[in-house]
Amino acid sequence: MRIKIEELKQAYSTKKTEIKKRLRDFRKVWQEDDHRIFSELVFCLCTPQSKARECGKAVSRLVKSNVLFEGDVEKIISGLRGVRFPNNKARYIAEARDNFTENGRICIKDKINSGDVYSSREWFYSNVKGLGLKESSHFLRNIGFGKDLAIIDVHILKNMVRYGLIEGIPKTISKGKYFLFETILKDFSRKTDIPIAELDLLFWSAETGEIFK
C-alpha cells in the first residue's frame, strides 16, 4: 500500500499544475451569467452513463444553436447525439429550464448558497429531476464550489478499491453510503495531503487519460 501511495503522490506532483489550473477555470465560471451556469447543470444532467467529452460536445451544440434555451424537447433530443438515454435527459433538461425560468429569463445563481455548499447540493439533489448526489456535486464543482465535495462515480470507486478504501464497487449507492464514501475520501485526502477536489481530478485522469470536467 505504501508503494501505491507513493506512486499516487508522484502522479499528483506531475499533474498538480494542470489540476490546479483546471480548478481555477471552474471558479471563473461562477463569474459568468446564469445561462452559462445553467449549461453546466445541463452537462451534469447528461453525464450519467455517458462519456464526458460527448456530453460536452452535445451541450456546446445546444448552446450554439440556442436550442438549450428556446428549443422544445424534440429539438433537444436531436442535439444530444452521443449522449445515452437522450429522450429522458431531454425531458429533464426542458423541465429544469422551465423551473429556472423567471419572467422569461434563466435564474439559477440565486438558488446557490455560496457560503453553504452542502445545503446547495441538497437543494439541487432534491429539486432537479435527473440530478443525483453525484451530479449535484459535479455541478457545484464545475462552477467553483467543489473544494469540500466528492464526486462518487465509477472512476473514483475504482481508485477507492485500488487504494484499499473500500472492498468493492457497490451496484447502487444510497444517500447514506454516498456520504460515507465522501467521508472516507476526505480522510484519505488528509492522509495523502492532496485536496479532495484535486484528488478527484487526479483519479479521473488516471482512468480517462485526461483532465476534463
C-alpha atoms as a PDB file:
ATOM      1  CA  MET A   1       0.000   0.000   0.000  1.00  0.00           C
ATOM      2  CA  ARG A   2       2.833   2.400   0.820  1.00  0.00           C
ATOM      3  CA  ILE A   3       4.236   1.914  -2.687  1.00  0.00           C
ATOM      4  CA  LYS A   4       0.845   2.718  -4.202  1.00  0.00           C
ATOM      5  CA  ILE A   5       0.550   5.864  -2.102  1.00  0.00           C
ATOM      6  CA  GLU A   6       3.987   7.000  -3.185  1.00  0.00           C
ATOM      7  CA  GLU A   7       3.017   6.361  -6.809  1.00  0.00           C
ATOM      8  CA  LEU A   8      -0.118   8.438  -6.278  1.00  0.00           C
ATOM      9  CA  LYS A   9       1.871  11.322  -4.824  1.00  0.00           C
ATOM     10  CA  GLN A  10       4.307  11.127  -7.708  1.00  0.00           C
ATOM     11  CA  ALA A  11       1.439  11.237 -10.208  1.00  0.00           C
ATOM     12  CA  TYR A  12      -0.007  14.202  -8.328  1.00  0.00           C
ATOM     13  CA  SER A  13       3.321  16.018  -8.465  1.00  0.00           C
ATOM     14  CA  THR A  14       3.374  15.533 -12.236  1.00  0.00           C
ATOM     15  CA  LYS A  15      -0.191  16.745 -12.791  1.00  0.00           C
ATOM     16  CA  LYS A  16      -0.525  19.227  -9.929  1.00  0.00           C
ATOM     17  CA  THR A  17      -0.054  22.394 -12.005  1.00  0.00           C
ATOM     18  CA  GLU A  18      -2.584  21.304 -14.631  1.00  0.00           C
ATOM     19  CA  ILE A  19      -5.099  20.200 -11.992  1.00  0.00           C
ATOM     20  CA  LYS A  20      -4.873  23.489 -10.106  1.00  0.00           C
ATOM     21  CA  LYS A  21      -5.324  25.416 -13.348  1.00  0.00           C
ATOM     22  CA  ARG A  22      -8.445  23.419 -14.149  1.00  0.00           C
ATOM     23  CA  LEU A  23      -9.905  24.183 -10.729  1.00  0.00           C
ATOM     24  CA  ARG A  24      -9.186  27.888 -11.258  1.00  0.00           C
ATOM     25  CA  ASP A  25     -11.079  27.627 -14.546  1.00  0.00           C
ATOM     26  CA  PHE A  26     -14.063  26.197 -12.666  1.00  0.00           C
ATOM     27  CA  ARG A  27     -14.000  29.067 -10.183  1.00  0.00           C
ATOM     28  CA  LYS A  28     -14.078  31.575 -13.038  1.00  0.00           C
ATOM     29  CA  VAL A  29     -17.315  30.053 -14.336  1.00  0.00           C
ATOM     30  CA  TRP A  30     -19.170  31.466 -11.317  1.00  0.00           C
ATOM     31  CA  GLN A  31     -18.407  34.976 -12.574  1.00  0.00           C
ATOM     32  CA  GLU A  32     -20.342  34.304 -15.785  1.00  0.00           C
ATOM     33  CA  ASP A  33     -24.078  34.710 -16.338  1.00  0.00           C
ATOM     34  CA  ASP A  34     -26.991  32.437 -15.444  1.00  0.00           C
ATOM     35  CA  HIS A  35     -27.080  30.946 -18.933  1.00  0.00           C
ATOM     36  CA  ARG A  36     -23.502  29.700 -18.504  1.00  0.00           C
ATOM     37  CA  ILE A  37     -24.264  28.276 -15.077  1.00  0.00           C
ATOM     38  CA  PHE A  38     -27.359  26.548 -16.440  1.00  0.00           C
ATOM     39  CA  SER A  39     -25.325  24.998 -19.261  1.00  0.00           C
ATOM     40  CA  GLU A  40     -23.084  23.384 -16.626  1.00  0.00           C
ATOM     41  CA  LEU A  41     -26.161  21.983 -14.917  1.00  0.00           C
ATOM     42  CA  VAL A  42     -27.264  20.545 -18.262  1.00  0.00           C
ATOM     43  CA  PHE A  43     -23.821  19.000 -18.775  1.00  0.00           C
ATOM     44  CA  CYS A  44     -24.188  17.201 -15.443  1.00  0.00           C
ATOM     45  CA  LEU A  45     -27.706  16.066 -16.330  1.00  0.00           C
ATOM     46  CA  CYS A  46     -26.218  14.458 -19.440  1.00  0.00           C
ATOM     47  CA  THR A  47     -23.250  12.667 -17.863  1.00  0.00           C
ATOM     48  CA  PRO A  48     -24.808   9.586 -16.179  1.00  0.00           C
ATOM     49  CA  GLN A  49     -23.629   6.526 -18.155  1.00  0.00           C
ATOM     50  CA  SER A  50     -22.270   8.771 -20.909  1.00  0.00           C
ATOM     51  CA  LYS A  51     -18.791   9.967 -21.846  1.00  0.00           C
ATOM     52  CA  ALA A  52     -17.994  13.427 -20.526  1.00  0.00           C
ATOM     53  CA  ARG A  53     -16.452  14.570 -23.824  1.00  0.00           C
ATOM     54  CA  GLU A  54     -19.575  13.606 -25.766  1.00  0.00           C
ATOM     55  CA  CYS A  55     -21.739  15.404 -23.224  1.00  0.00           C
ATOM     56  CA  GLY A  56     -19.578  18.493 -23.543  1.00  0.00           C
ATOM     57  CA  LYS A  57     -19.952  18.436 -27.330  1.00  0.00           C
ATOM     58  CA  ALA A  58     -23.714  17.995 -27.060  1.00  0.00           C
ATOM     59  CA  VAL A  59     -24.124  20.918 -24.656  1.00  0.00           C
ATOM     60  CA  SER A  60     -21.971  23.116 -26.891  1.00  0.00           C
ATOM     61  CA  ARG A  61     -24.233  22.278 -29.850  1.00  0.00           C
ATOM     62  CA  LEU A  62     -27.352  23.076 -27.848  1.00  0.00           C
ATOM     63  CA  VAL A  63     -25.928  26.400 -26.668  1.00  0.00           C
ATOM     64  CA  LYS A  64     -24.650  27.427 -30.104  1.00  0.00           C
ATOM     65  CA  SER A  65     -27.999  26.715 -31.752  1.00  0.00           C
ATOM     66  CA  ASN A  66     -29.889  28.311 -28.832  1.00  0.00           C
ATOM     67  CA  VAL A  67     -31.951  25.124 -28.610  1.00  0.00           C
ATOM     68  CA  LEU A  68     -30.886  24.803 -24.992  1.00  0.00           C
ATOM     69  CA  PHE A  69     -32.798  27.945 -24.088  1.00  0.00           C
ATOM     70  CA  GLU A  70     -35.607  28.001 -26.628  1.00  0.00           C
ATOM     71  CA  GLY A  71     -35.947  24.587 -28.278  1.00  0.00           C
ATOM     72  CA  ASP A  72     -38.626  22.037 -27.470  1.00  0.00           C
ATOM     73  CA  VAL A  73     -37.927  18.518 -26.217  1.00  0.00           C
ATOM     74  CA  GLU A  74     -37.660  17.043 -29.720  1.00  0.00           C
ATOM     75  CA  LYS A  75     -35.043  19.589 -30.743  1.00  0.00           C
ATOM     76  CA  ILE A  76     -33.111  18.976 -27.545  1.00  0.00           C
ATOM     77  CA  ILE A  77     -33.151  15.231 -28.259  1.00  0.00           C
ATOM     78  CA  SER A  78     -31.696  15.903 -31.721  1.00  0.00           C
ATOM     79  CA  GLY A  79     -28.867  17.841 -30.126  1.00  0.00           C
ATOM     80  CA  LEU A  80     -27.943  15.078 -27.697  1.00  0.00           C
ATOM     81  CA  ARG A  81     -26.049  12.938 -30.195  1.00  0.00           C
ATOM     82  CA  GLY A  82     -23.527  10.766 -28.403  1.00  0.00           C
ATOM     83  CA  VAL A  83     -25.383  11.030 -25.087  1.00  0.00           C
ATOM     84  CA  ARG A  84     -27.074   7.914 -23.756  1.00  0.00           C
ATOM     85  CA  PHE A  85     -30.797   7.970 -22.933  1.00  0.00           C
ATOM     86  CA  PRO A  86     -31.387  11.223 -24.843  1.00  0.00           C
ATOM     87  CA  ASN A  87     -35.188  11.075 -24.543  1.00  0.00           C
ATOM     88  CA  ASN A  88     -35.173  11.040 -20.749  1.00  0.00           C
ATOM     89  CA  LYS A  89     -32.355  13.543 -20.472  1.00  0.00           C
ATOM     90  CA  ALA A  90     -34.027  15.940 -22.891  1.00  0.00           C
ATOM     91  CA  ARG A  91     -37.117  15.892 -20.694  1.00  0.00           C
ATOM     92  CA  TYR A  92     -35.005  16.558 -17.594  1.00  0.00           C
ATOM     93  CA  ILE A  93     -33.325  19.478 -19.377  1.00  0.00           C
ATOM     94  CA  ALA A  94     -36.612  21.008 -20.518  1.00  0.00           C
ATOM     95  CA  GLU A  95     -38.139  20.611 -17.064  1.00  0.00           C
ATOM     96  CA  ALA A  96     -35.103  22.191 -15.398  1.00  0.00           C
ATOM     97  CA  ARG A  97     -35.197  25.077 -17.876  1.00  0.00           C
ATOM     98  CA  ASP A  98     -38.862  25.694 -17.094  1.00  0.00           C
ATOM     99  CA  ASN A  99     -38.232  25.550 -13.351  1.00  0.00           C
ATOM    100  CA  PHE A 100     -35.326  28.003 -13.511  1.00  0.00           C
ATOM    101  CA  THR A 101     -37.082  30.461 -15.811  1.00  0.00           C
ATOM    102  CA  GLU A 102     -38.485  33.595 -14.201  1.00  0.00           C
ATOM    103  CA  ASN A 103     -40.032  36.423 -16.213  1.00  0.00           C
ATOM    104  CA  GLY A 104     -38.645  34.940 -19.404  1.00  0.00           C
ATOM    105  CA  ARG A 105     -35.039  34.555 -18.262  1.00  0.00           C
ATOM    106  CA  ILE A 106     -32.928  31.843 -16.670  1.00  0.00           C
ATOM    107  CA  CYS A 107     -32.370  32.456 -12.945  1.00  0.00           C
ATOM    108  CA  ILE A 108     -30.226  29.778 -11.347  1.00  0.00           C
ATOM    109  CA  LYS A 109     -27.428  31.554  -9.478  1.00  0.00           C
ATOM    110  CA  ASP A 110     -29.751  32.748  -6.741  1.00  0.00           C
ATOM    111  CA  LYS A 111     -30.508  29.098  -5.905  1.00  0.00           C
ATOM    112  CA  ILE A 112     -26.866  28.565  -4.910  1.00  0.00           C
ATOM    113  CA  ASN A 113     -25.726  29.479  -1.416  1.00  0.00           C
ATOM    114  CA  SER A 114     -22.035  30.161  -1.944  1.00  0.00           C
ATOM    115  CA  GLY A 115     -21.500  30.092   1.819  1.00  0.00           C
ATOM    116  CA  ASP A 116     -23.039  26.657   2.344  1.00  0.00           C
ATOM    117  CA  VAL A 117     -22.179  24.222  -0.418  1.00  0.00           C
ATOM    118  CA  TYR A 118     -23.796  21.301   1.411  1.00  0.00           C
ATOM    119  CA  SER A 119     -27.226  22.931   1.602  1.00  0.00           C
ATOM    120  CA  SER A 120     -26.857  23.936  -2.053  1.00  0.00           C
ATOM    121  CA  ARG A 121     -26.099  20.351  -3.013  1.00  0.00           C
ATOM    122  CA  GLU A 122     -29.088  19.147  -1.030  1.00  0.00           C
ATOM    123  CA  TRP A 123     -31.344  21.675  -2.758  1.00  0.00           C
ATOM    124  CA  PHE A 124     -30.298  20.649  -6.271  1.00  0.00           C
ATOM    125  CA  TYR A 125     -30.404  16.952  -5.417  1.00  0.00           C
ATOM    126  CA  SER A 126     -33.933  17.349  -4.041  1.00  0.00           C
ATOM    127  CA  ASN A 127     -35.355  19.736  -6.626  1.00  0.00           C
ATOM    128  CA  VAL A 128     -33.864  18.940 -10.029  1.00  0.00           C
ATOM    129  CA  LYS A 129     -35.171  15.750 -11.620  1.00  0.00           C
ATOM    130  CA  GLY A 130     -32.375  13.594 -13.028  1.00  0.00           C
ATOM    131  CA  LEU A 131     -29.732  15.131 -10.766  1.00  0.00           C
ATOM    132  CA  GLY A 132     -28.459  12.773  -8.075  1.00  0.00           C
ATOM    133  CA  LEU A 133     -25.932  13.459  -5.340  1.00  0.00           C
ATOM    134  CA  LYS A 134     -23.062  12.691  -7.679  1.00  0.00           C
ATOM    135  CA  GLU A 135     -24.346  15.014 -10.395  1.00  0.00           C
ATOM    136  CA  SER A 136     -25.196  17.761  -7.884  1.00  0.00           C
ATOM    137  CA  SER A 137     -21.651  17.554  -6.500  1.00  0.00           C
ATOM    138  CA  HIS A 138     -20.256  17.541 -10.036  1.00  0.00           C
ATOM    139  CA  PHE A 139     -22.288  20.616 -10.978  1.00  0.00           C
ATOM    140  CA  LEU A 140     -21.151  22.598  -7.947  1.00  0.00           C
ATOM    141  CA  ARG A 141     -17.530  21.593  -8.553  1.00  0.00           C
ATOM    142  CA  ASN A 142     -17.770  22.725 -12.180  1.00  0.00           C
ATOM    143  CA  ILE A 143     -18.884  26.213 -11.140  1.00  0.00           C
ATOM    144  CA  GLY A 144     -16.197  26.594  -8.485  1.00  0.00           C
ATOM    145  CA  PHE A 145     -17.685  25.200  -5.271  1.00  0.00           C
ATOM    146  CA  GLY A 146     -16.179  21.729  -5.126  1.00  0.00           C
ATOM    147  CA  LYS A 147     -13.313  22.009  -2.673  1.00  0.00           C
ATOM    148  CA  ASP A 148     -15.191  20.073   0.030  1.00  0.00           C
ATOM    149  CA  LEU A 149     -17.270  17.747  -2.155  1.00  0.00           C
ATOM    150  CA  ALA A 150     -16.580  14.300  -3.565  1.00  0.00           C
ATOM    151  CA  ILE A 151     -17.932  13.183  -6.922  1.00  0.00           C
ATOM    152  CA  ILE A 152     -18.523   9.492  -6.301  1.00  0.00           C
ATOM    153  CA  ASP A 153     -18.604   7.923  -9.764  1.00  0.00           C
ATOM    154  CA  VAL A 154     -17.211   4.678 -11.156  1.00  0.00           C
ATOM    155  CA  HIS A 155     -13.770   6.239 -11.811  1.00  0.00           C
ATOM    156  CA  ILE A 156     -13.482   7.301  -8.177  1.00  0.00           C
ATOM    157  CA  LEU A 157     -14.841   3.988  -6.884  1.00  0.00           C
ATOM    158  CA  LYS A 158     -12.262   2.025  -8.884  1.00  0.00           C
ATOM    159  CA  ASN A 159      -9.493   4.041  -7.262  1.00  0.00           C
ATOM    160  CA  MET A 160     -11.061   3.703  -3.817  1.00  0.00           C
ATOM    161  CA  VAL A 161     -10.834  -0.059  -4.295  1.00  0.00           C
ATOM    162  CA  ARG A 162      -7.279   0.217  -5.639  1.00  0.00           C
ATOM    163  CA  TYR A 163      -6.098   2.080  -2.555  1.00  0.00           C
ATOM    164  CA  GLY A 164      -7.941  -0.181  -0.138  1.00  0.00           C
ATOM    165  CA  LEU A 165     -10.511   2.399   0.921  1.00  0.00           C
ATOM    166  CA  ILE A 166     -13.455   0.123   0.099  1.00  0.00           C
ATOM    167  CA  GLU A 167     -13.638  -3.592  -0.637  1.00  0.00           C
ATOM    168  CA  GLY A 168     -15.572  -3.432  -3.885  1.00  0.00           C
ATOM    169  CA  ILE A 169     -17.741  -1.318  -6.142  1.00  0.00           C
ATOM    170  CA  PRO A 170     -21.381  -1.409  -4.975  1.00  0.00           C
ATOM    171  CA  LYS A 171     -24.144  -1.889  -7.519  1.00  0.00           C
ATOM    172  CA  THR A 172     -26.087   1.007  -6.060  1.00  0.00           C
ATOM    173  CA  ILE A 173     -25.170   3.858  -3.729  1.00  0.00           C
ATOM    174  CA  SER A 174     -27.705   5.087  -1.191  1.00  0.00           C
ATOM    175  CA  LYS A 175     -27.596   8.609   0.162  1.00  0.00           C
ATOM    176  CA  GLY A 176     -26.056   7.348   3.402  1.00  0.00           C
ATOM    177  CA  LYS A 177     -23.422   5.330   1.576  1.00  0.00           C
ATOM    178  CA  TYR A 178     -22.565   8.305  -0.628  1.00  0.00           C
ATOM    179  CA  PHE A 179     -21.865  10.423   2.452  1.00  0.00           C
ATOM    180  CA  LEU A 180     -19.854   7.571   3.974  1.00  0.00           C
ATOM    181  CA  PHE A 181     -17.677   7.279   0.858  1.00  0.00           C
ATOM    182  CA  GLU A 182     -17.247  11.049   0.812  1.00  0.00           C
ATOM    183  CA  THR A 183     -16.041  10.950   4.426  1.00  0.00           C
ATOM    184  CA  ILE A 184     -13.613   8.134   3.593  1.00  0.00           C
ATOM    185  CA  LEU A 185     -12.226  10.139   0.672  1.00  0.00           C
ATOM    186  CA  LYS A 186     -11.819  13.235   2.825  1.00  0.00           C
ATOM    187  CA  ASP A 187      -9.833  11.217   5.352  1.00  0.00           C
ATOM    188  CA  PHE A 188      -7.672   9.797   2.554  1.00  0.00           C
ATOM    189  CA  SER A 189      -7.224  13.323   1.218  1.00  0.00           C
ATOM    190  CA  ARG A 190      -5.875  14.486   4.569  1.00  0.00           C
ATOM    191  CA  LYS A 191      -3.540  11.496   4.860  1.00  0.00           C
ATOM    192  CA  THR A 192      -2.077  11.996   1.387  1.00  0.00           C
ATOM    193  CA  ASP A 193      -2.080  15.799   1.656  1.00  0.00           C
ATOM    194  CA  ILE A 194      -3.929  16.036  -1.675  1.00  0.00           C
ATOM    195  CA  PRO A 195      -7.021  18.304  -1.545  1.00  0.00           C
ATOM    196  CA  ILE A 196     -10.187  16.350  -2.272  1.00  0.00           C
ATOM    197  CA  ALA A 197     -11.087  18.345  -5.404  1.00  0.00           C
ATOM    198  CA  GLU A 198      -7.604  17.729  -6.764  1.00  0.00           C
ATOM    199  CA  LEU A 199      -7.751  14.075  -5.751  1.00  0.00           C
ATOM    200  CA  ASP A 200     -10.946  13.717  -7.771  1.00  0.00           C
ATOM    201  CA  LEU A 201      -9.320  15.085 -10.927  1.00  0.00           C
ATOM    202  CA  LEU A 202      -6.207  13.002 -10.305  1.00  0.00           C
ATOM    203  CA  PHE A 203      -8.258   9.804 -10.044  1.00  0.00           C
ATOM    204  CA  TRP A 204     -10.390  10.796 -13.024  1.00  0.00           C
ATOM    205  CA  SER A 205      -7.344  11.479 -15.191  1.00  0.00           C
ATOM    206  CA  ALA A 206      -5.836   8.132 -14.161  1.00  0.00           C
ATOM    207  CA  GLU A 207      -8.907   6.376 -15.555  1.00  0.00           C
ATOM    208  CA  THR A 208      -9.560   8.531 -18.626  1.00  0.00           C
ATOM    209  CA  GLY A 209      -6.108   9.801 -19.519  1.00  0.00           C
ATOM    210  CA  GLU A 210      -7.125  13.456 -19.384  1.00  0.00           C
ATOM    211  CA  ILE A 211      -8.157  16.268 -17.051  1.00  0.00           C
ATOM    212  CA  PHE A 212     -11.521  17.473 -18.293  1.00  0.00           C
ATOM    213  CA  LYS A 213     -14.502  18.111 -16.042  1.00  0.00           C
END
